[in-house]
Amino acid sequence: MENRDWLLLLHQIPPKPAYFRAKVLRRLTQVGALPVKNSAYLLPDTEDALEDLEWICREIGQEGGAAWLFRAEVLAGMSSEQIEDAFRELHRPQYESLVQQGRALLQHVATMPDERLAAYRRLSRQTEELRRIDFFECPLRQELEQLMNEIEKQSHGRDRYDGHSKPVQSGQIWVTRKGVRVDRIASAWLIRRFIDAESIFRFVEENCYSHQAQEIRFDMFEGEFTHRGESCTFEVLASAHNLRGDGALVAVSEIVHDIDLKDGRYQRAETTGLARLIDGLCSQTPIDELRLERGALIFDSLYQGFC
C-alpha cells in the first residue's frame, strides 16, 4: 500500500482558562482528527483539513498556547494502512450509536408522526456529519446507509429537509486567501450584494502577502473581518454592517456557520444540502474568481428562498 501524506498537529495548551482544553478537544473531534499521542492529532492531508487545523492552531495561539502543524508521510511505528484502520475504529462507537437509533426508528416508521419525523431528520443530519469526517469508510457506514434508505423507503419518501457599522466606500479592494471555500465564498457574496456592489477581490498566499493600507482583508489572520470568538467571517461581516435584522440573512449565516465551524450550533435542515453543493463547486472549479461567481448564484437562490 502506498504511503499517503498526513497533517500532524502538536499543541501545548495553558492550564487557564480551564474550559479551553475541552474546547480544543471538541473542535478536533468535530473535524475528525485522530489522537495519536498526548497533544498530537492527525488528519489526511487535504485542503479542508489544512484549513480546519490552521484555524485551531490560531485559536490556541490566541489563548496563550502554542501549536505546530506539520506534513508527514509516515510516523514512527505506524504505517499508512495502520493509521487508516485507526481512523475507521475512531468512528465505530458513533456509527454503533446511530445504527442503534436507526433500528429503533425503523420499527415505528410506517406512520411517521411528527416526533418520529423529527427524529429521522436528526438522524439524517448526524449521519451526514459523520460521513463528512469518515475519511476511510468505517465498516459500519454501509449498514447505517442501508438503514437510512430503508427508513426513507418505508416512510413513502417524505422529505427529510422540509423544516423550515461602518459604511464601506464603494469599489474597495477586498483581500482573502487563495482556495476559497464556504465562508469566503459566502462572505464575498455578502460583500458584493449588501456592502460594496463594486468590490474588487484579490486572492493571495497568506504567508507571502504584504498588507496595503487601501485593502480590506477578510477571513485572514489579523484581517479587518475574520473569525471572532464563536463567529465565522460571514457572521462578523453581517454584524459589523448592521445586517443582522434581515431574517433571511440570519438563516443563511446560521447555515454557513455550521458548515464552516462544524459545531452543529444551529442544525438547520438546509445545511447538509448546501455543504454538498459547495463541495461539488470547489472540486469542479479550481479558479477562485469562478468559485465566487458560481457561488453567488447559489447564495442568491438560498437567500431568496428565505425571503
Protein backbone atom coordinates (compact mmCIF):
# COMPACT_ATOMS: atom_id res chain seq x y z
CA MET A 1 0.00 0.00 0.00
CA GLU A 2 1.32 3.45 -0.98
CA ASN A 3 2.14 5.85 1.83
CA ARG A 4 -0.06 8.95 1.90
CA ASP A 5 0.65 12.39 3.33
CA TRP A 6 -0.74 13.39 6.73
CA LEU A 7 -1.18 16.61 8.66
CA LEU A 8 0.18 16.38 12.20
CA LEU A 9 -0.90 18.91 14.85
CA LEU A 10 1.04 19.24 18.09
CA HIS A 11 -0.11 21.61 20.80
CA GLN A 12 0.59 22.95 24.27
CA ILE A 13 -2.47 24.41 26.00
CA PRO A 14 -2.17 26.69 29.04
CA PRO A 15 -3.91 25.49 32.25
CA LYS A 16 -6.17 28.59 32.29
CA PRO A 17 -8.84 29.23 31.27
CA ALA A 18 -9.90 25.73 32.29
CA TYR A 19 -12.61 25.41 29.62
CA PHE A 20 -10.20 25.99 26.75
CA ARG A 21 -8.66 22.49 26.71
CA ALA A 22 -12.15 20.98 26.42
CA LYS A 23 -12.99 23.45 23.64
CA VAL A 24 -9.89 22.48 21.63
CA LEU A 25 -10.66 18.79 22.09
CA ARG A 26 -14.23 19.38 20.93
CA ARG A 27 -13.03 21.24 17.83
CA LEU A 28 -10.55 18.47 16.98
CA THR A 29 -13.30 15.88 17.38
CA GLN A 30 -15.63 17.88 15.15
CA VAL A 31 -13.11 17.91 12.29
CA GLY A 32 -12.43 14.17 12.69
CA ALA A 33 -8.84 14.37 13.96
CA LEU A 34 -7.22 11.15 15.19
CA PRO A 35 -5.40 11.36 18.55
CA VAL A 36 -2.08 9.51 18.22
CA LYS A 37 -0.44 10.64 21.46
CA ASN A 38 -0.95 13.24 24.16
CA SER A 39 -1.43 16.57 22.37
CA ALA A 40 -0.79 15.06 18.91
CA TYR A 41 -3.51 14.71 16.27
CA LEU A 42 -3.63 13.52 12.66
CA LEU A 43 -5.76 14.28 9.62
CA PRO A 44 -5.29 13.25 5.99
CA ASP A 45 -3.55 15.98 4.00
CA THR A 46 -6.44 17.72 2.21
CA GLU A 47 -7.35 21.35 1.59
CA ASP A 48 -10.29 21.21 4.01
CA ALA A 49 -8.25 19.55 6.76
CA LEU A 50 -5.43 22.08 6.39
CA GLU A 51 -7.85 24.98 6.77
CA ASP A 52 -9.52 23.37 9.81
CA LEU A 53 -6.22 22.76 11.58
CA GLU A 54 -4.85 26.21 10.75
CA TRP A 55 -7.85 27.80 12.47
CA ILE A 56 -7.42 25.56 15.50
CA CYS A 57 -3.73 26.48 15.71
CA ARG A 58 -4.65 30.16 15.66
CA GLU A 59 -7.28 29.73 18.34
CA ILE A 60 -4.72 28.00 20.56
CA GLY A 61 -2.21 30.79 19.97
CA GLN A 62 -4.78 33.49 20.76
CA GLU A 63 -5.38 31.89 24.17
CA GLY A 64 -1.66 31.92 25.02
CA GLY A 65 -0.90 28.34 23.99
CA ALA A 66 1.36 27.02 21.24
CA ALA A 67 0.59 24.80 18.26
CA TRP A 68 2.65 23.37 15.42
CA LEU A 69 1.37 21.93 12.15
CA PHE A 70 3.47 19.54 10.05
CA ARG A 71 3.14 17.44 6.92
CA ALA A 72 4.36 13.88 7.34
CA GLU A 73 4.42 10.82 5.11
CA VAL A 74 4.90 8.22 7.84
CA LEU A 75 5.01 8.18 11.62
CA ALA A 76 7.43 6.06 13.60
CA GLY A 77 5.79 2.73 14.34
CA MET A 78 2.66 3.35 12.22
CA SER A 79 2.17 2.63 8.54
CA SER A 80 -0.41 4.47 6.44
CA GLU A 81 -2.56 1.32 6.49
CA GLN A 82 -2.46 1.21 10.30
CA ILE A 83 -3.37 4.89 10.52
CA GLU A 84 -6.35 4.39 8.18
CA ASP A 85 -7.52 1.46 10.30
CA ALA A 86 -7.22 3.66 13.39
CA PHE A 87 -9.44 6.30 11.74
CA ARG A 88 -12.05 3.61 10.99
CA GLU A 89 -12.01 2.44 14.60
CA LEU A 90 -12.20 6.03 15.83
CA HIS A 91 -15.68 6.40 14.32
CA ARG A 92 -17.00 2.95 15.20
CA PRO A 93 -18.70 4.00 18.50
CA GLN A 94 -20.51 6.86 16.73
CA TYR A 95 -21.72 4.53 13.98
CA GLU A 96 -22.85 1.94 16.52
CA SER A 97 -24.94 4.58 18.30
CA LEU A 98 -26.53 5.83 15.05
CA VAL A 99 -27.22 2.28 13.83
CA GLN A 100 -29.00 1.55 17.12
CA GLN A 101 -31.10 4.72 16.72
CA GLY A 102 -31.88 3.78 13.11
CA ARG A 103 -33.04 0.28 14.03
CA ALA A 104 -35.32 1.66 16.73
CA LEU A 105 -36.78 4.22 14.32
CA LEU A 106 -37.32 1.62 11.60
CA GLN A 107 -39.63 -0.39 13.87
CA HIS A 108 -42.09 2.53 14.08
CA VAL A 109 -41.61 4.33 10.79
CA ALA A 110 -44.79 3.34 8.94
CA THR A 111 -46.97 6.19 10.20
CA MET A 112 -44.09 8.62 10.81
CA PRO A 113 -45.87 11.07 13.13
CA ASP A 114 -44.23 14.42 13.72
CA GLU A 115 -41.98 13.35 16.56
CA ARG A 116 -40.63 10.39 14.56
CA LEU A 117 -40.14 12.55 11.50
CA ALA A 118 -38.13 14.96 13.66
CA ALA A 119 -36.06 12.02 14.95
CA TYR A 120 -35.45 10.93 11.36
CA ARG A 121 -34.22 14.40 10.40
CA ARG A 122 -31.86 14.46 13.39
CA LEU A 123 -30.52 11.05 12.47
CA SER A 124 -30.08 12.12 8.83
CA ARG A 125 -28.14 15.20 9.91
CA GLN A 126 -25.93 13.22 12.31
CA THR A 127 -25.29 10.61 9.61
CA GLU A 128 -24.20 13.26 7.14
CA GLU A 129 -21.96 14.99 9.69
CA LEU A 130 -20.26 11.67 10.48
CA ARG A 131 -19.91 10.82 6.79
CA ARG A 132 -18.01 14.06 6.19
CA ILE A 133 -15.29 13.12 8.70
CA ASP A 134 -15.27 9.37 7.99
CA PHE A 135 -12.31 9.62 5.65
CA PHE A 136 -11.68 5.88 5.18
CA GLU A 137 -15.19 4.40 5.47
CA CYS A 138 -15.74 2.63 8.74
CA PRO A 139 -17.23 -0.85 8.07
CA LEU A 140 -20.47 0.16 9.83
CA ARG A 141 -21.06 3.05 7.44
CA GLN A 142 -22.70 0.84 4.81
CA GLU A 143 -25.05 -0.68 7.39
CA LEU A 144 -26.15 2.76 8.55
CA GLU A 145 -26.72 4.00 5.00
CA GLN A 146 -28.82 0.91 4.21
CA LEU A 147 -30.88 1.59 7.34
CA MET A 148 -31.45 5.19 6.28
CA ASN A 149 -32.51 4.09 2.80
CA GLU A 150 -34.99 1.62 4.27
CA ILE A 151 -36.43 4.23 6.64
CA GLU A 152 -36.88 6.65 3.77
CA LYS A 153 -38.48 3.97 1.61
CA GLN A 154 -40.96 2.92 4.31
CA SER A 155 -41.89 6.50 5.08
CA HIS A 156 -43.01 6.83 1.43
CA GLY A 157 -40.27 9.28 0.57
CA ARG A 158 -41.37 12.10 2.86
CA ASP A 159 -38.95 15.00 2.54
CA ARG A 160 -36.28 14.88 5.20
CA TYR A 161 -35.47 18.55 4.72
CA ASP A 162 -38.88 20.24 4.83
CA GLY A 163 -38.25 22.09 8.04
CA HIS A 164 -38.44 25.42 7.90
CA SER A 165 -21.19 49.74 11.33
CA LYS A 166 -19.39 51.40 9.48
CA PRO A 167 -20.20 52.14 5.84
CA VAL A 168 -17.66 50.92 3.29
CA GLN A 169 -16.72 53.12 0.36
CA SER A 170 -17.73 51.59 -2.98
CA GLY A 171 -15.10 49.88 -5.09
CA GLN A 172 -12.78 48.77 -2.28
CA ILE A 173 -10.18 46.04 -2.74
CA TRP A 174 -11.08 43.04 -0.60
CA VAL A 175 -8.30 40.51 0.01
CA THR A 176 -8.60 36.89 1.13
CA ARG A 177 -6.67 33.65 0.98
CA LYS A 178 -6.47 31.54 -2.16
CA GLY A 179 -8.59 28.39 -2.33
CA VAL A 180 -11.85 29.97 -1.20
CA ARG A 181 -14.46 27.73 0.38
CA VAL A 182 -17.80 28.18 2.07
CA ASP A 183 -17.10 31.06 4.49
CA ARG A 184 -15.09 33.07 1.97
CA ILE A 185 -17.50 32.38 -0.91
CA ALA A 186 -20.47 33.39 1.23
CA SER A 187 -18.64 36.43 2.60
CA ALA A 188 -17.74 37.64 -0.90
CA TRP A 189 -21.40 37.26 -1.93
CA LEU A 190 -22.47 39.25 1.15
CA ILE A 191 -19.93 41.98 0.42
CA ARG A 192 -20.91 42.41 -3.21
CA ARG A 193 -24.67 42.21 -2.66
CA PHE A 194 -25.09 44.19 0.58
CA ILE A 195 -21.91 46.07 1.42
CA ASP A 196 -19.86 47.07 -1.64
CA ALA A 197 -21.50 46.42 -5.01
CA GLU A 198 -18.34 47.49 -6.88
CA SER A 199 -15.99 45.41 -4.74
CA ILE A 200 -12.76 44.05 -6.22
CA PHE A 201 -11.47 40.73 -4.87
CA ARG A 202 -7.84 39.62 -4.61
CA PHE A 203 -6.70 36.13 -3.67
CA VAL A 204 -3.28 35.80 -2.04
CA GLU A 205 -0.89 33.33 -0.46
CA GLU A 206 -1.16 34.40 3.15
CA ASN A 207 2.48 33.67 4.00
CA CYS A 208 3.71 35.88 1.13
CA TYR A 209 1.15 38.66 1.40
CA SER A 210 2.07 42.20 2.45
CA HIS A 211 -0.93 44.24 3.54
CA GLN A 212 -1.58 47.57 1.78
CA ALA A 213 -3.43 50.36 3.58
CA GLN A 214 -6.21 50.57 0.97
CA GLU A 215 -7.01 46.86 1.15
CA ILE A 216 -9.61 45.21 3.39
CA ARG A 217 -8.75 41.68 4.50
CA PHE A 218 -11.43 39.09 5.22
CA ASP A 219 -11.17 35.54 6.57
CA MET A 220 -7.44 36.05 7.11
CA PHE A 221 -5.29 36.09 10.22
CA GLU A 222 -5.33 39.63 11.65
CA GLY A 223 -7.83 40.64 8.95
CA GLU A 224 -10.26 43.50 9.40
CA PHE A 225 -13.11 40.98 9.12
CA THR A 226 -12.36 37.43 10.20
CA HIS A 227 -13.38 34.83 12.79
CA ARG A 228 -14.21 36.41 16.14
CA GLY A 229 -14.82 34.15 19.12
CA GLU A 230 -17.51 31.66 18.09
CA SER A 231 -18.48 33.56 14.90
CA CYS A 232 -17.34 32.85 11.36
CA THR A 233 -16.34 35.66 8.99
CA PHE A 234 -19.78 35.86 7.37
CA GLU A 235 -21.38 36.49 10.76
CA VAL A 236 -18.77 39.10 11.67
CA LEU A 237 -19.33 40.98 8.40
CA ALA A 238 -23.11 40.90 8.80
CA SER A 239 -22.93 42.23 12.36
CA ALA A 240 -20.40 44.92 11.54
CA HIS A 241 -22.62 46.29 8.77
CA ASN A 242 -25.90 46.11 10.71
CA LEU A 243 -27.37 43.35 8.55
CA ARG A 244 -28.48 41.04 11.36
CA GLY A 245 -32.01 42.44 11.21
CA ASP A 246 -32.58 40.68 7.88
CA GLY A 247 -34.20 37.36 8.80
CA ALA A 248 -33.22 35.71 5.52
CA LEU A 249 -29.58 36.70 6.04
CA VAL A 250 -29.68 35.34 9.58
CA ALA A 251 -30.82 31.98 8.20
CA VAL A 252 -28.02 31.98 5.62
CA SER A 253 -25.45 32.94 8.26
CA GLU A 254 -26.52 30.08 10.53
CA ILE A 255 -26.07 27.59 7.70
CA VAL A 256 -22.64 29.00 6.77
CA HIS A 257 -21.63 28.95 10.46
CA ASP A 258 -22.41 25.24 10.87
CA ILE A 259 -20.65 24.23 7.64
CA ASP A 260 -17.56 26.31 8.34
CA LEU A 261 -17.13 25.79 12.10
CA LYS A 262 -18.60 22.26 12.19
CA ASP A 263 -20.01 22.82 15.67
CA GLY A 264 -23.65 21.95 14.87
CA ARG A 265 -24.92 25.02 16.73
CA TYR A 266 -27.96 25.81 14.56
CA GLN A 267 -28.68 22.48 12.82
CA ARG A 268 -30.80 23.90 10.02
CA ALA A 269 -32.23 21.32 7.63
CA GLU A 270 -30.67 23.06 4.60
CA THR A 271 -27.09 22.80 5.91
CA THR A 272 -26.29 19.37 4.53
CA GLY A 273 -27.53 20.22 1.04
CA LEU A 274 -25.57 23.48 0.85
CA ALA A 275 -22.42 21.77 2.13
CA ARG A 276 -22.64 19.27 -0.70
CA LEU A 277 -23.24 21.99 -3.28
CA ILE A 278 -20.18 23.93 -2.11
CA ASP A 279 -18.05 20.76 -2.03
CA GLY A 280 -19.08 19.99 -5.60
CA LEU A 281 -18.46 23.57 -6.71
CA CYS A 282 -14.95 23.61 -5.22
CA SER A 283 -14.00 20.20 -6.62
CA GLN A 284 -15.01 21.24 -10.15
CA THR A 285 -13.81 24.85 -10.05
CA PRO A 286 -10.10 25.41 -9.32
CA ILE A 287 -10.18 29.16 -10.13
CA ASP A 288 -11.20 31.36 -7.19
CA GLU A 289 -12.88 34.04 -9.33
CA LEU A 290 -15.16 31.39 -10.84
CA ARG A 291 -15.91 29.93 -7.42
CA LEU A 292 -17.18 33.35 -6.31
CA GLU A 293 -19.19 33.84 -9.49
CA ARG A 294 -20.86 30.45 -9.34
CA GLY A 295 -21.18 30.55 -5.56
CA ALA A 296 -23.04 33.86 -5.82
CA LEU A 297 -25.78 32.13 -7.83
CA ILE A 298 -26.14 29.53 -5.09
CA PHE A 299 -26.33 32.10 -2.30
CA ASP A 300 -28.69 34.34 -4.26
CA SER A 301 -31.08 31.41 -4.58
CA LEU A 302 -30.67 30.35 -0.94
CA TYR A 303 -31.29 33.88 0.32
CA GLN A 304 -34.34 34.32 -1.91
CA GLY A 305 -35.76 31.06 -0.59
CA PHE A 306 -35.81 32.56 2.92
CA CYS A 307 -37.36 35.89 1.86
